[in-house]
Protein backbone atom coordinates (compact mmCIF):
# COMPACT_ATOMS: atom_id res chain seq x y z
CA UNK A 1 12.47 4.32 10.58
CA UNK A 2 9.07 2.46 9.59
CA UNK A 3 9.46 3.72 5.98
CA UNK A 4 13.22 2.33 6.00
CA UNK A 5 12.22 -1.01 6.92
CA UNK A 6 9.24 -1.29 4.69
CA UNK A 7 11.45 0.01 1.83
CA UNK A 8 14.11 -2.90 2.56
CA UNK A 9 11.49 -5.53 2.95
CA UNK A 10 9.87 -4.29 -0.40
CA UNK A 11 13.31 -4.49 -2.01
CA UNK A 12 13.87 -8.06 -0.98
CA UNK A 13 10.90 -9.28 -3.15
CA UNK A 14 9.70 -8.96 -6.47
CA UNK A 15 6.40 -10.47 -7.75
CA UNK A 16 2.90 -10.33 -9.56
CA UNK A 17 0.24 -9.42 -7.50
CA UNK A 18 -3.30 -10.74 -7.74
CA UNK A 19 -5.03 -10.65 -4.31
CA UNK A 20 -8.13 -12.26 -3.45
CA UNK A 21 -10.72 -9.90 -2.18
CA UNK A 22 -10.19 -8.50 1.36
CA UNK A 23 -12.84 -6.76 2.94
CA UNK A 24 -11.34 -3.17 4.18
CA UNK A 25 -14.95 -1.93 5.79
CA UNK A 26 -14.03 -2.77 9.10
CA UNK A 27 -11.37 0.36 9.02
CA UNK A 28 -14.39 2.77 8.02
CA UNK A 29 -14.87 3.28 11.58
CA UNK A 30 -11.44 4.99 11.99
CA UNK A 31 -12.56 7.95 9.53
CA UNK A 32 -14.82 9.52 12.00
CA UNK A 33 -12.03 9.81 14.44
CA UNK A 34 -9.11 10.83 12.10
CA UNK A 35 -8.12 14.50 11.01
CA UNK A 36 -7.71 12.92 7.57
CA UNK A 37 -8.81 10.08 6.02
CA UNK A 38 -8.21 8.80 2.41
CA UNK A 39 -9.99 5.96 0.91
CA UNK A 40 -8.85 4.68 -2.70
CA UNK A 41 -10.58 1.80 -4.18
CA UNK A 42 -9.73 1.43 -8.24
CA UNK A 43 -10.34 -1.62 -10.45
CA UNK A 44 -7.87 -1.91 -13.49
CA UNK A 45 -9.98 0.26 -15.86
CA UNK A 46 -10.07 3.04 -13.17
CA UNK A 47 -6.34 2.73 -12.63
CA UNK A 48 -5.66 2.99 -16.39
CA UNK A 49 -8.05 6.03 -16.71
CA UNK A 50 -6.79 7.85 -13.80
CA UNK A 51 -3.34 7.35 -14.91
CA UNK A 52 -4.33 8.76 -18.85
CA UNK A 53 -5.56 12.22 -17.15
CA UNK A 54 -1.79 12.67 -16.14
CA UNK A 55 0.58 14.59 -18.30
CA UNK A 56 4.31 15.08 -18.12
CA UNK A 57 5.19 18.74 -18.51
CA UNK A 58 9.20 17.96 -18.43
CA UNK A 59 11.37 15.21 -19.52
CA UNK A 60 11.75 13.78 -15.90
CA UNK A 61 7.78 13.76 -15.41
CA UNK A 62 7.05 12.45 -18.79
CA UNK A 63 9.68 9.47 -17.79
CA UNK A 64 7.63 8.94 -14.75
CA UNK A 65 4.44 9.18 -16.35
CA UNK A 66 5.39 6.59 -19.17
CA UNK A 67 6.42 4.00 -16.02
CA UNK A 68 3.26 4.64 -14.39
CA UNK A 69 1.37 3.88 -17.54
CA UNK A 70 3.17 0.47 -18.31
CA UNK A 71 2.44 -0.23 -14.49
CA UNK A 72 -1.20 0.63 -14.83
CA UNK A 73 -1.61 -1.92 -17.85
CA UNK A 74 -0.69 -4.82 -15.59
CA UNK A 75 -2.37 -3.68 -12.14
CA UNK A 76 -6.06 -5.24 -11.97
CA UNK A 77 -6.83 -3.15 -8.80
CA UNK A 78 -5.41 -0.73 -6.05
CA UNK A 79 -7.40 -0.42 -2.46
CA UNK A 80 -5.79 2.09 0.04
CA UNK A 81 -7.19 3.14 3.40
CA UNK A 82 -5.09 5.83 5.27
CA UNK A 83 -5.77 7.60 8.12
CA UNK A 84 -3.86 10.29 10.24
CA UNK A 85 -4.84 11.22 13.98
CA UNK A 86 -4.54 14.41 15.89
CA UNK A 87 -2.93 12.50 18.79
CA UNK A 88 -2.01 9.11 20.01
CA UNK A 89 -4.71 6.58 21.22
CA UNK A 90 -7.34 7.50 18.68
CA UNK A 91 -7.13 4.01 17.15
CA UNK A 92 -5.85 0.84 18.84
CA UNK A 93 -4.03 -2.23 17.24
CA UNK A 94 -7.54 -3.91 17.68
CA UNK A 95 -8.72 -1.86 14.79
CA UNK A 96 -6.62 -3.71 12.55
CA UNK A 97 -7.01 -7.12 13.97
CA UNK A 98 -9.88 -7.97 11.39
CA UNK A 99 -7.66 -7.36 8.33
CA UNK A 100 -4.77 -9.43 9.76
CA UNK A 101 -7.49 -12.26 10.62
CA UNK A 102 -8.61 -12.07 6.99
CA UNK A 103 -5.13 -12.50 5.60
CA UNK A 104 -4.32 -15.26 8.19
CA UNK A 105 -7.65 -17.29 6.92
CA UNK A 106 -6.91 -16.71 3.26
CA UNK A 107 -5.09 -19.87 1.92
CA UNK A 108 -1.64 -19.10 0.49
CA UNK A 109 -0.81 -15.81 2.26
CA UNK A 110 1.70 -15.36 4.75
CA UNK A 111 3.24 -12.86 6.67
CA UNK A 112 6.73 -11.85 4.93
CA UNK A 113 7.99 -8.90 7.30
CA UNK A 114 6.56 -7.96 10.75
CA UNK A 115 8.55 -5.27 12.17
CA UNK A 116 7.80 -3.39 15.46
CA UNK A 117 9.93 -0.41 16.78
CA UNK A 118 9.22 2.88 19.09
CA UNK A 119 5.38 2.38 18.66
CA UNK A 120 5.48 1.62 14.68
CA UNK A 121 4.35 -1.50 13.27
CA UNK A 122 5.02 -2.63 9.45
CA UNK A 123 3.83 -5.94 8.13
CA UNK A 124 3.81 -7.23 4.66
CA UNK A 125 1.63 -10.13 3.52
CA UNK A 126 2.11 -12.09 0.22
CA UNK A 127 0.40 -14.53 -1.46
CA UNK A 128 1.09 -17.00 -4.34
CA UNK A 129 -1.63 -19.11 -5.90
CA UNK A 130 -0.85 -20.76 -9.18
CA UNK A 131 1.84 -18.20 -10.37
CA UNK A 132 -0.32 -15.24 -9.13
CA UNK A 133 0.69 -13.39 -6.20
CA UNK A 134 -0.90 -10.58 -3.77
CA UNK A 135 0.53 -8.17 -1.55
CA UNK A 136 -1.07 -6.28 1.57
CA UNK A 137 0.66 -3.62 3.39
CA UNK A 138 -0.23 -2.45 6.96
CA UNK A 139 1.82 0.29 8.24
CA UNK A 140 0.93 1.94 11.69
CA UNK A 141 2.58 4.56 13.62
CA UNK A 142 1.22 6.16 17.08
CA UNK A 143 -1.19 8.80 14.73
CA UNK A 144 -1.02 7.30 11.28
CA UNK A 145 -2.26 3.97 9.93
CA UNK A 146 -2.12 2.87 6.19
CA UNK A 147 -3.35 -0.51 4.76
CA UNK A 148 -2.50 -0.92 1.08
CA UNK A 149 -3.51 -3.75 -1.15
CA UNK A 150 -2.18 -4.30 -4.78
CA UNK A 151 -3.25 -6.43 -7.19
CA UNK A 152 -1.76 -7.01 -10.74
CA UNK A 153 1.74 -7.69 -12.28
CA UNK A 154 4.20 -4.88 -11.35
CA UNK A 155 7.78 -4.48 -10.14
CA UNK A 156 8.65 -2.80 -6.66
CA UNK A 157 9.94 0.00 -8.60
CA UNK A 158 7.19 0.78 -10.52
CA UNK A 159 4.93 0.35 -7.43
CA UNK A 160 7.13 2.92 -5.64
CA UNK A 161 6.25 5.28 -8.50
CA UNK A 162 2.49 5.30 -7.39
CA UNK A 163 3.17 7.11 -4.30
CA UNK A 164 1.47 10.57 -4.22
CA UNK A 165 -1.03 9.53 -7.15
CA UNK A 166 -4.67 8.92 -6.70
CA UNK A 167 -4.28 9.19 -2.79
CA UNK A 168 -1.68 6.44 -2.36
CA UNK A 169 0.65 6.90 0.39
CA UNK A 170 4.50 7.48 -0.82
CA UNK A 171 6.42 4.09 -0.67
CA UNK A 172 9.89 4.90 -0.30
CA UNK A 173 12.20 2.23 -2.09
CA UNK A 174 15.76 2.57 -0.66
CA UNK A 175 17.38 4.31 2.05
CA UNK A 176 15.42 7.00 3.71
CA UNK A 177 17.69 10.09 4.78
CA UNK A 178 16.88 11.27 8.34
CA UNK A 179 15.17 14.58 7.77
CA UNK A 180 12.65 13.00 5.26
């Protein structure tokens, strides 16, 4: 359900992303409690370098890879923190409060989506400063938390194609079937 709302919200907007620095270090303490923790911090050169190491073995993979390389030329950075916990209650909403507070204090940032349902919460923040925009996503379920910051120019479809690469979570763009 949360993925569907996130996907609908992402489809509703298209922008160039250039986020001011957002300090994600407050999330580091979650890693010791999580059964799995992923941290991705890439600047523009690292994004381009990482994607240059990928290869497409068939036509569909080559098409996806070409799209990712086009995206990489425009992305100036990617920050991801993703945690999966063994059971409910191993993190609290207050663990995300510092990130929300930073986004609330940053000039020209606003929350464009805030959705809560059945123990899940999705928040999307967007910034626009002199034609440059930033995107921050906070997705929290009972046993999972992901925070994604994307910087650079990108279409939503291209951003969705980053899922599963370099530790980035899959971001479904479009309807999600119930069994997914």
